[in-house]
């Protein structure tokens, strides 16, 4: 029997598993409350831009922190 290179096997396994898993919505929770500038000034616009750039194939749901 021939020895199989473990690196090749691992690489093939990771490649095939990565192609099988597809996310269409990611969840992003952060510490800042809704009124904090990071929420409305960075996190929400970033999630909207990602949705726009991917033609809606990837969306990010933003969960702000509590007051």
Protein backbone atom coordinates (compact mmCIF):
# COMPACT_ATOMS: atom_id res chain seq x y z
CA UNK A 1 0.00 0.00 0.00
CA UNK A 2 1.13 3.51 -0.73
CA UNK A 3 1.40 6.09 2.01
CA UNK A 4 -1.01 8.98 1.62
CA UNK A 5 0.31 12.40 2.48
CA UNK A 6 -1.71 13.67 5.46
CA UNK A 7 -1.42 17.24 4.23
CA UNK A 8 -3.03 16.38 0.91
CA UNK A 9 -5.88 14.56 2.62
CA UNK A 10 -6.44 17.44 5.02
CA UNK A 11 -6.33 19.99 2.21
CA UNK A 12 -8.89 18.08 0.14
CA UNK A 13 -11.15 17.65 3.17
CA UNK A 14 -11.03 21.36 4.02
CA UNK A 15 -11.60 22.39 0.40
CA UNK A 16 -14.62 20.16 -0.06
CA UNK A 17 -16.16 21.09 3.28
CA UNK A 18 -15.65 24.80 2.59
CA UNK A 19 -17.46 24.52 -0.72
CA UNK A 20 -20.40 22.70 0.87
CA UNK A 21 -21.00 25.28 3.60
CA UNK A 22 -22.62 28.49 2.47
CA UNK A 23 -23.98 31.22 4.69
CA UNK A 24 -26.53 33.67 3.45
CA UNK A 25 -26.95 35.58 6.70
CA UNK A 26 -24.39 36.24 9.39
CA UNK A 27 -25.19 37.47 12.87
CA UNK A 28 -23.09 40.23 14.41
CA UNK A 29 -23.60 41.11 18.06
CA UNK A 30 -21.69 43.99 19.60
CA UNK A 31 -21.48 45.80 22.91
CA UNK A 32 -22.64 49.26 21.81
CA UNK A 33 -26.25 50.38 22.36
CA UNK A 34 -28.33 51.66 19.44
CA UNK A 35 -27.64 55.32 20.29
CA UNK A 36 -23.86 54.80 20.30
CA UNK A 37 -22.10 56.20 17.19
CA UNK A 38 -20.46 52.87 16.33
CA UNK A 39 -23.81 51.18 15.81
CA UNK A 40 -25.40 53.66 13.40
CA UNK A 41 -22.18 55.08 12.01
CA UNK A 42 -20.20 51.92 11.32
CA UNK A 43 -21.87 48.56 11.97
CA UNK A 44 -25.22 49.16 10.24
CA UNK A 45 -23.76 50.94 7.18
CA UNK A 46 -21.14 48.21 6.84
CA UNK A 47 -23.78 45.48 6.90
CA UNK A 48 -25.84 47.39 4.31
CA UNK A 49 -22.81 47.85 2.06
CA UNK A 50 -21.93 44.15 2.23
CA UNK A 51 -25.49 43.24 1.27
CA UNK A 52 -25.32 45.70 -1.63
CA UNK A 53 -21.90 44.51 -2.83
CA UNK A 54 -22.99 40.86 -2.79
CA UNK A 55 -26.34 41.58 -4.46
CA UNK A 56 -28.13 40.35 -1.34
CA UNK A 57 -26.42 36.95 -1.36
CA UNK A 58 -24.80 37.73 1.99
CA UNK A 59 -26.51 39.76 4.66
CA UNK A 60 -25.47 40.63 8.19
CA UNK A 61 -28.01 41.00 10.97
CA UNK A 62 -26.67 43.45 13.57
CA UNK A 63 -27.57 42.92 17.21
CA UNK A 64 -26.71 45.96 19.35
CA UNK A 65 -25.88 45.84 23.03
CA UNK A 66 -28.37 46.84 25.67
CA UNK A 67 -28.36 50.11 27.60
